[in-house]
């Protein structure tokens, strides 16, 4: 009887371990697929701030500022296993790292985390270009969610509204900032 009980305990432990391993491998595989979908250069097309959809800098570009983009790579950084990214804002180039936390293949949505982003420090004669750059880099760093489908990428930050603000809000329960990109 004690032997049977011991076998049952050992088999249960093995079963739990293999189930966890399969779940971990499945999640790792989803992350790998997502990384492949995300990899490449994405050009910023629009910005949604609450309910206002606008051009990236809030004005028609007409060649005034550099094409704003972000490039996700599959290159792992030595520290922490994060992945490398780089891009171009309205004035300066930037670089940083990111981690994909989760991805749902059905909804094509996921969660990610950006590490601090650094940029070159060229100045612009036009303060609007610098303001645009600061806003763009801030939106990237704060983004927590993403959606990727049909050559389009959205980086999203949701801000839950306070209970008293929800009744009068045109946004419902959340206020969003969304960066809309197209694959280059």
N, C-alpha and C. Protein backbone atom coordinates (compact mmCIF):
# COMPACT_ATOMS: atom_id res chain seq x y z
N UNK A 1 0.82 -1.19 0.00
CA UNK A 1 0.00 0.00 0.00
C UNK A 1 0.87 1.25 0.00
N UNK A 2 1.92 1.27 0.86
CA UNK A 2 2.81 2.43 0.92
C UNK A 2 3.55 2.59 -0.41
N UNK A 3 3.91 1.45 -1.05
CA UNK A 3 4.60 1.51 -2.33
C UNK A 3 3.70 2.13 -3.40
N UNK A 4 2.45 1.71 -3.43
CA UNK A 4 1.51 2.27 -4.41
C UNK A 4 1.34 3.77 -4.22
N UNK A 5 1.25 4.16 -2.96
CA UNK A 5 1.11 5.58 -2.66
C UNK A 5 2.35 6.34 -3.13
N UNK A 6 3.53 5.80 -2.89
CA UNK A 6 4.78 6.42 -3.31
C UNK A 6 4.83 6.54 -4.83
N UNK A 7 4.44 5.49 -5.57
CA UNK A 7 4.41 5.54 -7.03
C UNK A 7 3.44 6.62 -7.52
N UNK A 8 2.30 6.71 -6.87
CA UNK A 8 1.30 7.70 -7.24
C UNK A 8 1.84 9.13 -7.05
N UNK A 9 2.54 9.36 -5.94
CA UNK A 9 3.13 10.67 -5.68
C UNK A 9 4.19 10.99 -6.73
N UNK A 10 5.05 10.01 -7.06
CA UNK A 10 6.11 10.24 -8.05
C UNK A 10 5.51 10.51 -9.42
N UNK A 11 4.51 9.73 -9.83
CA UNK A 11 3.87 9.95 -11.13
C UNK A 11 3.18 11.30 -11.20
N UNK A 12 2.56 11.71 -10.11
CA UNK A 12 1.90 13.02 -10.07
C UNK A 12 2.92 14.14 -10.24
N UNK A 13 4.05 14.00 -9.56
CA UNK A 13 5.09 15.02 -9.66
C UNK A 13 5.63 15.09 -11.08
N UNK A 14 5.84 13.95 -11.71
CA UNK A 14 6.33 13.92 -13.09
C UNK A 14 5.30 14.54 -14.02
N UNK A 15 4.04 14.21 -13.83
CA UNK A 15 2.96 14.76 -14.66
C UNK A 15 2.86 16.26 -14.53
N UNK A 16 2.96 16.79 -13.32
CA UNK A 16 2.88 18.24 -13.11
C UNK A 16 4.07 18.93 -13.76
N UNK A 17 5.25 18.36 -13.63
CA UNK A 17 6.44 18.95 -14.21
C UNK A 17 6.33 19.00 -15.72
N UNK A 18 5.88 17.91 -16.36
CA UNK A 18 5.80 17.90 -17.81
C UNK A 18 4.71 18.84 -18.30
N UNK A 19 3.62 18.99 -17.56
CA UNK A 19 2.57 19.93 -17.95
C UNK A 19 3.09 21.35 -17.90
N UNK A 20 3.83 21.69 -16.84
CA UNK A 20 4.41 23.03 -16.74
C UNK A 20 5.40 23.27 -17.87
N UNK A 21 6.18 22.24 -18.21
CA UNK A 21 7.17 22.36 -19.26
C UNK A 21 6.49 22.59 -20.61
N UNK A 22 5.41 21.86 -20.90
CA UNK A 22 4.68 22.03 -22.15
C UNK A 22 4.08 23.44 -22.21
N UNK A 23 3.50 23.90 -21.10
CA UNK A 23 2.93 25.25 -21.06
C UNK A 23 4.00 26.29 -21.30
N UNK A 24 5.16 26.13 -20.67
CA UNK A 24 6.26 27.07 -20.85
C UNK A 24 6.77 27.05 -22.29
N UNK A 25 6.92 25.84 -22.86
CA UNK A 25 7.37 25.72 -24.25
C UNK A 25 6.34 26.34 -25.19
N UNK A 26 5.05 26.14 -24.91
CA UNK A 26 4.00 26.72 -25.74
C UNK A 26 4.07 28.24 -25.71
N UNK A 27 4.23 28.84 -24.52
CA UNK A 27 4.33 30.29 -24.39
C UNK A 27 5.59 30.80 -25.08
N UNK A 28 6.71 30.07 -24.92
CA UNK A 28 7.95 30.45 -25.58
C UNK A 28 7.77 30.44 -27.09
N UNK A 29 7.08 29.44 -27.60
CA UNK A 29 6.82 29.34 -29.03
C UNK A 29 5.97 30.51 -29.51
N UNK A 30 4.95 30.91 -28.74
CA UNK A 30 4.12 32.07 -29.09
C UNK A 30 4.96 33.34 -29.13
N UNK A 31 5.84 33.49 -28.16
CA UNK A 31 6.71 34.67 -28.09
C UNK A 31 7.63 34.69 -29.31
N UNK A 32 8.15 33.52 -29.69
CA UNK A 32 9.03 33.42 -30.85
C UNK A 32 8.29 33.82 -32.13
N UNK A 33 7.06 33.34 -32.29
CA UNK A 33 6.25 33.71 -33.45
C UNK A 33 5.99 35.22 -33.45
N UNK A 34 5.65 35.75 -32.30
CA UNK A 34 5.38 37.18 -32.17
C UNK A 34 6.62 37.99 -32.51
N UNK A 35 7.76 37.55 -32.01
CA UNK A 35 9.01 38.26 -32.28
C UNK A 35 9.25 38.32 -33.78
N UNK A 36 8.97 37.23 -34.49
CA UNK A 36 9.14 37.21 -35.93
C UNK A 36 8.16 38.16 -36.63
N UNK A 37 6.92 38.24 -36.13
CA UNK A 37 5.93 39.16 -36.70
C UNK A 37 6.33 40.62 -36.45
N UNK A 38 6.88 40.89 -35.30
CA UNK A 38 7.22 42.24 -34.88
C UNK A 38 8.52 42.73 -35.52
N UNK A 39 9.41 41.81 -35.83
CA UNK A 39 10.74 42.17 -36.32
C UNK A 39 10.66 42.97 -37.62
N UNK A 40 11.45 44.02 -37.69
CA UNK A 40 11.50 44.86 -38.88
C UNK A 40 11.26 46.32 -38.53
N UNK A 41 11.20 47.13 -39.58
CA UNK A 41 11.03 48.57 -39.41
C UNK A 41 9.57 48.94 -39.63
N UNK A 42 9.04 49.74 -38.71
CA UNK A 42 7.66 50.22 -38.74
C UNK A 42 7.67 51.73 -38.79
N UNK A 43 6.91 52.31 -39.72
CA UNK A 43 6.86 53.75 -39.92
C UNK A 43 5.61 54.30 -39.23
N UNK A 44 5.79 55.34 -38.41
CA UNK A 44 4.67 55.96 -37.70
C UNK A 44 3.80 56.73 -38.68
N UNK A 45 2.49 56.43 -38.66
CA UNK A 45 1.55 57.08 -39.57
C UNK A 45 0.61 58.04 -38.84
N UNK A 46 0.11 57.64 -37.68
CA UNK A 46 -0.83 58.46 -36.93
C UNK A 46 -0.65 58.24 -35.44
N UNK A 47 -1.21 59.18 -34.66
CA UNK A 47 -1.21 59.09 -33.21
C UNK A 47 -2.63 59.35 -32.74
N UNK A 48 -3.13 58.48 -31.85
CA UNK A 48 -4.43 58.69 -31.23
C UNK A 48 -4.18 59.12 -29.79
N UNK A 49 -4.72 60.27 -29.42
CA UNK A 49 -4.62 60.75 -28.05
C UNK A 49 -6.05 60.94 -27.57
N UNK A 50 -6.51 59.99 -26.76
CA UNK A 50 -7.90 60.01 -26.30
C UNK A 50 -8.84 59.72 -27.44
N UNK A 51 -9.48 60.74 -27.99
CA UNK A 51 -10.38 60.55 -29.12
C UNK A 51 -9.93 61.35 -30.35
N UNK A 52 -8.73 61.91 -30.30
CA UNK A 52 -8.23 62.72 -31.41
C UNK A 52 -7.14 61.96 -32.18
N UNK A 53 -7.44 61.64 -33.44
CA UNK A 53 -6.47 61.00 -34.32
C UNK A 53 -5.76 62.09 -35.09
N UNK A 54 -4.43 62.07 -35.05
CA UNK A 54 -3.67 63.16 -35.64
C UNK A 54 -2.45 62.64 -36.37
N UNK A 55 -1.83 63.51 -37.14
CA UNK A 55 -0.55 63.22 -37.77
C UNK A 55 0.49 63.05 -36.67
N UNK A 56 1.60 62.35 -36.95
CA UNK A 56 2.58 62.09 -35.89
C UNK A 56 3.01 63.30 -35.07
N UNK A 57 3.22 64.45 -35.70
CA UNK A 57 3.65 65.63 -34.95
C UNK A 57 2.54 66.64 -34.75
N UNK A 58 1.33 66.30 -35.14
CA UNK A 58 0.22 67.22 -34.97
C UNK A 58 0.08 68.21 -36.11
N UNK A 59 0.90 68.05 -37.16
CA UNK A 59 0.81 68.91 -38.34
C UNK A 59 1.23 68.09 -39.55
N UNK A 60 0.81 68.51 -40.73
CA UNK A 60 1.20 67.81 -41.96
C UNK A 60 2.72 67.92 -42.11
N UNK A 61 3.37 66.79 -42.34
CA UNK A 61 4.83 66.77 -42.36
C UNK A 61 5.39 67.53 -43.55
N UNK A 62 4.98 67.22 -44.75
CA UNK A 62 5.47 67.88 -45.97
C UNK A 62 7.00 67.97 -46.00
N UNK A 63 7.67 66.94 -45.50
CA UNK A 63 9.12 66.89 -45.53
C UNK A 63 9.81 67.73 -44.47
N UNK A 64 9.05 68.26 -43.52
CA UNK A 64 9.63 69.13 -42.50
C UNK A 64 10.46 68.36 -41.47
N UNK A 65 9.98 67.17 -41.11
CA UNK A 65 10.70 66.36 -40.12
C UNK A 65 11.06 65.02 -40.75
N UNK A 66 12.00 64.35 -40.14
CA UNK A 66 12.41 63.03 -40.63
C UNK A 66 11.28 62.03 -40.43
N UNK A 67 11.27 61.00 -41.27
CA UNK A 67 10.27 59.94 -41.14
C UNK A 67 10.48 59.24 -39.80
N UNK A 68 9.45 59.22 -38.98
CA UNK A 68 9.57 58.63 -37.65
C UNK A 68 9.27 57.14 -37.75
N UNK A 69 10.17 56.33 -37.17
CA UNK A 69 10.00 54.88 -37.26
C UNK A 69 10.60 54.19 -36.04
N UNK A 70 10.35 52.89 -35.98
CA UNK A 70 10.94 52.04 -34.94
C UNK A 70 11.28 50.70 -35.59
N UNK A 71 12.44 50.16 -35.25
CA UNK A 71 12.87 48.87 -35.77
C UNK A 71 13.06 47.91 -34.59
N UNK A 72 12.29 46.82 -34.62
CA UNK A 72 12.42 45.76 -33.62
C UNK A 72 13.34 44.71 -34.20
N UNK A 73 14.33 44.29 -33.42
CA UNK A 73 15.24 43.24 -33.87
C UNK A 73 15.03 42.00 -32.99
N UNK A 74 15.62 40.88 -33.43
CA UNK A 74 15.60 39.68 -32.60
C UNK A 74 16.94 39.49 -31.91
N UNK A 75 17.78 40.53 -31.97
CA UNK A 75 19.10 40.50 -31.33
C UNK A 75 18.94 40.65 -29.82
N UNK A 76 19.38 39.62 -29.10
CA UNK A 76 19.28 39.66 -27.64
C UNK A 76 20.45 40.43 -27.05
N UNK A 77 20.14 41.28 -26.10
CA UNK A 77 21.18 42.00 -25.38
C UNK A 77 21.72 41.09 -24.28
N UNK A 78 22.96 41.29 -23.91
CA UNK A 78 23.58 40.44 -22.91
C UNK A 78 22.93 40.57 -21.54
N UNK A 79 22.48 41.76 -21.20
CA UNK A 79 21.88 41.98 -19.89
C UNK A 79 20.40 41.68 -19.91
N UNK A 80 19.95 40.71 -19.18
CA UNK A 80 18.53 40.45 -18.98
C UNK A 80 17.79 39.80 -20.12
N UNK A 81 18.43 39.49 -21.21
CA UNK A 81 17.76 38.80 -22.31
C UNK A 81 16.75 39.65 -23.07
N UNK A 82 16.81 40.97 -22.90
CA UNK A 82 15.91 41.84 -23.65
C UNK A 82 16.37 41.91 -25.10
N UNK A 83 15.47 42.34 -25.98
CA UNK A 83 15.77 42.44 -27.40
C UNK A 83 16.06 43.89 -27.78
N UNK A 84 16.90 44.07 -28.77
CA UNK A 84 17.35 45.40 -29.18
C UNK A 84 16.33 46.05 -30.11
N UNK A 85 16.17 47.37 -29.96
CA UNK A 85 15.37 48.17 -30.90
C UNK A 85 16.10 49.46 -31.18
N UNK A 86 15.76 50.07 -32.28
CA UNK A 86 16.31 51.39 -32.61
C UNK A 86 15.33 52.07 -33.56
N UNK A 87 15.53 53.35 -33.81
CA UNK A 87 14.63 54.04 -34.72
C UNK A 87 15.01 55.49 -34.92
N UNK A 88 14.11 56.19 -35.57
CA UNK A 88 14.30 57.60 -35.89
C UNK A 88 13.09 58.38 -35.38
N UNK A 89 13.34 59.44 -34.65
CA UNK A 89 12.25 60.33 -34.24
C UNK A 89 12.28 61.53 -35.18
N UNK A 90 11.62 62.60 -34.84
CA UNK A 90 11.53 63.76 -35.73
C UNK A 90 12.88 64.45 -35.93
N UNK A 91 13.78 64.31 -34.97
CA UNK A 91 15.09 64.96 -35.08
C UNK A 91 16.23 63.96 -34.89
N UNK A 92 16.18 63.16 -33.84
CA UNK A 92 17.28 62.28 -33.44
C UNK A 92 16.99 60.80 -33.67
N UNK A 93 18.07 60.04 -33.75
CA UNK A 93 17.95 58.59 -33.73
C UNK A 93 17.84 58.14 -32.28
N UNK A 94 17.28 56.94 -32.06
CA UNK A 94 17.17 56.43 -30.70
C UNK A 94 17.44 54.93 -30.69
N UNK A 95 17.69 54.42 -29.49
CA UNK A 95 17.95 53.00 -29.30
C UNK A 95 17.46 52.59 -27.92
N UNK A 96 17.20 51.30 -27.77
CA UNK A 96 16.73 50.80 -26.48
C UNK A 96 16.51 49.30 -26.55
N UNK A 97 15.66 48.81 -25.67
CA UNK A 97 15.39 47.37 -25.64
C UNK A 97 13.94 47.13 -25.25
N UNK A 98 13.49 45.91 -25.54
CA UNK A 98 12.11 45.54 -25.25
C UNK A 98 12.02 44.06 -24.94
N UNK A 99 10.93 43.68 -24.31
CA UNK A 99 10.64 42.29 -24.02
C UNK A 99 9.17 42.04 -24.37
N UNK A 100 8.91 40.94 -25.05
CA UNK A 100 7.53 40.54 -25.32
C UNK A 100 7.10 39.68 -24.14
N UNK A 101 6.04 40.10 -23.46
CA UNK A 101 5.56 39.39 -22.27
C UNK A 101 4.52 38.34 -22.59
N UNK A 102 3.65 38.64 -23.57
CA UNK A 102 2.60 37.68 -23.94
C UNK A 102 2.07 38.03 -25.33
N UNK A 103 1.35 37.06 -25.93
CA UNK A 103 0.73 37.28 -27.22
C UNK A 103 -0.44 36.31 -27.39
N UNK A 104 -1.58 36.83 -27.84
CA UNK A 104 -2.77 36.02 -28.11
C UNK A 104 -2.94 35.95 -29.62
N UNK A 105 -2.75 34.76 -30.19
CA UNK A 105 -2.81 34.59 -31.63
C UNK A 105 -4.19 34.88 -32.20
N UNK A 106 -5.24 34.63 -31.44
CA UNK A 106 -6.61 34.86 -31.94
C UNK A 106 -6.89 36.35 -32.13
N UNK A 107 -6.56 37.15 -31.12
CA UNK A 107 -6.85 38.58 -31.19
C UNK A 107 -5.68 39.38 -31.77
N UNK A 108 -4.54 38.73 -31.96
CA UNK A 108 -3.32 39.37 -32.46
C UNK A 108 -2.87 40.51 -31.55
N UNK A 109 -3.12 40.35 -30.26
CA UNK A 109 -2.73 41.36 -29.29
C UNK A 109 -1.75 40.77 -28.29
N UNK A 110 -0.97 41.63 -27.67
CA UNK A 110 -0.02 41.16 -26.69
C UNK A 110 0.42 42.26 -25.75
N UNK A 111 1.29 41.86 -24.85
CA UNK A 111 1.85 42.79 -23.88
C UNK A 111 3.36 42.82 -24.10
N UNK A 112 3.93 44.01 -23.94
CA UNK A 112 5.38 44.14 -24.03
C UNK A 112 5.85 45.17 -23.04
N UNK A 113 7.15 45.19 -22.84
CA UNK A 113 7.75 46.14 -21.89
C UNK A 113 8.97 46.74 -22.57
N UNK A 114 9.04 48.06 -22.54
CA UNK A 114 10.20 48.77 -23.07
C UNK A 114 11.10 49.16 -21.92
N UNK A 115 12.41 49.04 -22.15
CA UNK A 115 13.37 49.57 -21.19
C UNK A 115 13.58 51.04 -21.56
N UNK A 116 14.35 51.75 -20.76
CA UNK A 116 14.60 53.16 -21.07
C UNK A 116 15.17 53.31 -22.47
N UNK A 117 14.74 54.35 -23.13
CA UNK A 117 15.18 54.61 -24.50
C UNK A 117 16.14 55.79 -24.46
N UNK A 118 17.26 55.66 -25.17
CA UNK A 118 18.25 56.73 -25.26
C UNK A 118 18.25 57.26 -26.69
N UNK A 119 18.62 58.53 -26.83
CA UNK A 119 18.65 59.10 -28.18
C UNK A 119 19.91 59.94 -28.35
N UNK A 120 20.22 60.21 -29.62
CA UNK A 120 21.28 61.17 -29.88
C UNK A 120 20.76 62.53 -29.44
N UNK A 121 21.62 63.52 -29.35
CA UNK A 121 21.20 64.80 -28.76
C UNK A 121 21.40 65.99 -29.70
N UNK A 122 21.00 65.82 -30.96
CA UNK A 122 21.04 66.96 -31.87
C UNK A 122 19.87 67.87 -31.55
N UNK A 123 20.07 69.14 -31.72
CA UNK A 123 18.99 70.10 -31.47
C UNK A 123 18.35 70.49 -32.80
N UNK A 124 17.16 71.01 -32.72
CA UNK A 124 16.47 71.50 -33.90
C UNK A 124 16.16 72.98 -33.69
N UNK A 125 16.18 73.72 -34.78
CA UNK A 125 15.83 75.14 -34.70
C UNK A 125 14.36 75.32 -34.36
N UNK A 126 13.55 74.33 -34.69
CA UNK A 126 12.11 74.41 -34.47
C UNK A 126 11.74 73.66 -33.19
N UNK A 127 11.26 74.38 -32.19
CA UNK A 127 10.93 73.75 -30.91
C UNK A 127 9.77 72.75 -31.05
N UNK A 128 8.91 72.92 -32.06
CA UNK A 128 7.81 71.96 -32.28
C UNK A 128 8.36 70.58 -32.63
N UNK A 129 9.48 70.54 -33.37
CA UNK A 129 10.07 69.25 -33.73
C UNK A 129 10.61 68.54 -32.49
N UNK A 130 11.20 69.30 -31.57
CA UNK A 130 11.72 68.72 -30.34
C UNK A 130 10.58 68.24 -29.44
N UNK A 131 9.51 69.03 -29.38
CA UNK A 131 8.33 68.64 -28.61
C UNK A 131 7.73 67.35 -29.17
N UNK A 132 7.66 67.27 -30.49
CA UNK A 132 7.15 66.06 -31.15
C UNK A 132 8.02 64.85 -30.80
N UNK A 133 9.33 65.02 -30.83
CA UNK A 133 10.25 63.94 -30.52
C UNK A 133 10.08 63.46 -29.08
N UNK A 134 10.02 64.39 -28.15
CA UNK A 134 9.86 64.02 -26.73
C UNK A 134 8.55 63.25 -26.51
N UNK A 135 7.50 63.71 -27.16
CA UNK A 135 6.20 63.05 -27.04
C UNK A 135 6.26 61.63 -27.63
N UNK A 136 6.84 61.50 -28.81
CA UNK A 136 6.96 60.19 -29.48
C UNK A 136 7.73 59.19 -28.62
N UNK A 137 8.88 59.60 -28.12
CA UNK A 137 9.70 58.68 -27.31
C UNK A 137 9.00 58.34 -26.00
N UNK A 138 8.30 59.29 -25.43
CA UNK A 138 7.53 59.04 -24.20
C UNK A 138 6.42 58.03 -24.46
N UNK A 139 5.70 58.18 -25.56
CA UNK A 139 4.62 57.24 -25.89
C UNK A 139 5.17 55.82 -26.09
N UNK A 140 6.32 55.72 -26.74
CA UNK A 140 6.91 54.39 -26.93
C UNK A 140 7.23 53.77 -25.57
N UNK A 141 7.97 54.51 -24.73
CA UNK A 141 8.37 53.97 -23.42
C UNK A 141 7.18 53.56 -22.56
N UNK A 142 6.07 54.28 -22.65
CA UNK A 142 4.91 54.00 -21.81
C UNK A 142 4.01 52.91 -22.38
N UNK A 143 4.17 52.57 -23.65
CA UNK A 143 3.31 51.55 -24.26
C UNK A 143 3.45 50.23 -23.54
N UNK A 144 2.32 49.57 -23.31
CA UNK A 144 2.30 48.28 -22.63
C UNK A 144 1.63 47.20 -23.46
N UNK A 145 0.77 47.60 -24.37
CA UNK A 145 0.02 46.66 -25.20
C UNK A 145 0.37 46.90 -26.66
N UNK A 146 0.17 45.86 -27.46
CA UNK A 146 0.35 46.02 -28.90
C UNK A 146 -0.64 45.14 -29.64
N UNK A 147 -0.92 45.55 -30.88
CA UNK A 147 -1.74 44.76 -31.79
C UNK A 147 -1.02 44.78 -33.12
N UNK A 148 -0.91 43.60 -33.74
CA UNK A 148 -0.19 43.50 -35.00
C UNK A 148 -1.02 42.66 -35.96
N UNK A 149 -1.34 43.25 -37.11
CA UNK A 149 -2.19 42.54 -38.06
C UNK A 149 -2.10 43.23 -39.42
N UNK A 150 -1.96 42.41 -40.46
CA UNK A 150 -2.00 42.94 -41.82
C UNK A 150 -0.98 44.02 -42.12
N UNK A 151 0.25 43.87 -41.65
CA UNK A 151 1.27 44.87 -41.92
C UNK A 151 1.10 46.17 -41.15
N UNK A 152 0.25 46.13 -40.12
CA UNK A 152 0.03 47.32 -39.30
C UNK A 152 0.28 46.96 -37.83
N UNK A 153 0.84 47.90 -37.11
CA UNK A 153 1.19 47.73 -35.70
C UNK A 153 0.61 48.88 -34.91
N UNK A 154 0.05 48.56 -33.76
CA UNK A 154 -0.40 49.59 -32.82
C UNK A 154 0.35 49.38 -31.51
N UNK A 155 0.95 50.44 -30.99
CA UNK A 155 1.52 50.43 -29.64
C UNK A 155 0.56 51.23 -28.78
N UNK A 156 0.11 50.64 -27.68
CA UNK A 156 -1.02 51.19 -26.93
C UNK A 156 -0.67 51.37 -25.46
N UNK A 157 -1.14 52.47 -24.90
CA UNK A 157 -1.11 52.71 -23.46
C UNK A 157 -2.52 53.08 -23.05
N UNK A 158 -3.11 52.28 -22.16
CA UNK A 158 -4.45 52.54 -21.62
C UNK A 158 -4.32 53.20 -20.26
N UNK A 159 -5.14 54.22 -20.04
CA UNK A 159 -5.19 54.91 -18.76
C UNK A 159 -6.60 54.75 -18.20
N UNK A 160 -6.79 53.92 -17.18
CA UNK A 160 -8.13 53.80 -16.58
C UNK A 160 -8.56 55.14 -15.99
N UNK A 161 -9.82 55.47 -16.18
CA UNK A 161 -10.36 56.72 -15.64
C UNK A 161 -10.86 56.51 -14.23
N UNK A 162 -10.77 57.54 -13.43
CA UNK A 162 -11.31 57.49 -12.07
C UNK A 162 -12.82 57.32 -12.14
N UNK A 163 -13.39 56.71 -11.11
CA UNK A 163 -14.81 56.38 -11.10
C UNK A 163 -15.69 57.59 -11.43
N UNK A 164 -15.42 58.72 -10.83
CA UNK A 164 -16.23 59.92 -11.06
C UNK A 164 -16.12 60.46 -12.47
N UNK A 165 -14.98 60.18 -13.14
CA UNK A 165 -14.76 60.68 -14.50
C UNK A 165 -15.45 59.84 -15.56
N UNK A 166 -15.77 58.58 -15.24
CA UNK A 166 -16.32 57.65 -16.23
C UNK A 166 -17.70 58.07 -16.73
N UNK A 167 -18.54 58.62 -15.86
CA UNK A 167 -19.91 58.95 -16.26
C UNK A 167 -19.95 60.01 -17.35
N UNK A 168 -19.06 60.96 -17.30
CA UNK A 168 -19.08 62.07 -18.25
C UNK A 168 -18.05 61.93 -19.37
N UNK A 169 -17.38 60.80 -19.42
CA UNK A 169 -16.29 60.63 -20.36
C UNK A 169 -16.76 60.08 -21.72
N UNK A 170 -16.28 60.67 -22.80
CA UNK A 170 -16.58 60.10 -24.13
C UNK A 170 -15.73 58.86 -24.40
N UNK A 171 -14.79 58.57 -23.51
CA UNK A 171 -13.87 57.45 -23.71
C UNK A 171 -14.34 56.15 -23.09
N UNK A 172 -15.40 56.16 -22.30
CA UNK A 172 -15.80 54.97 -21.56
C UNK A 172 -14.95 54.84 -20.32
N UNK A 173 -14.45 53.63 -20.06
CA UNK A 173 -13.68 53.37 -18.85
C UNK A 173 -12.19 53.72 -18.97
N UNK A 174 -11.71 53.83 -20.21
CA UNK A 174 -10.27 54.06 -20.38
C UNK A 174 -10.01 55.17 -21.40
N UNK A 175 -8.88 55.82 -21.21
CA UNK A 175 -8.35 56.83 -22.11
C UNK A 175 -7.14 56.18 -22.76
N UNK A 176 -6.98 56.30 -24.07
CA UNK A 176 -5.89 55.62 -24.76
C UNK A 176 -4.95 56.59 -25.48
N UNK A 177 -3.70 56.20 -25.51
CA UNK A 177 -2.74 56.74 -26.46
C UNK A 177 -2.34 55.58 -27.35
N UNK A 178 -2.43 55.77 -28.66
CA UNK A 178 -2.09 54.71 -29.60
C UNK A 178 -1.19 55.28 -30.68
N UNK A 179 -0.09 54.59 -30.94
CA UNK A 179 0.78 54.91 -32.07
C UNK A 179 0.45 53.92 -33.18
N UNK A 180 0.13 54.42 -34.38
CA UNK A 180 -0.22 53.56 -35.51
C UNK A 180 0.94 53.53 -36.49
N UNK A 181 1.44 52.33 -36.75
CA UNK A 181 2.59 52.14 -37.64
C UNK A 181 2.20 51.25 -38.82
N UNK A 182 2.94 51.39 -39.92
CA UNK A 182 2.85 50.47 -41.05
C UNK A 182 4.22 49.90 -41.30
N UNK A 183 4.26 48.63 -41.69
CA UNK A 183 5.53 47.95 -41.95
C UNK A 183 6.19 48.58 -43.17
N UNK A 184 7.47 48.82 -43.06
CA UNK A 184 8.23 49.43 -44.16
C UNK A 184 8.64 48.36 -45.15
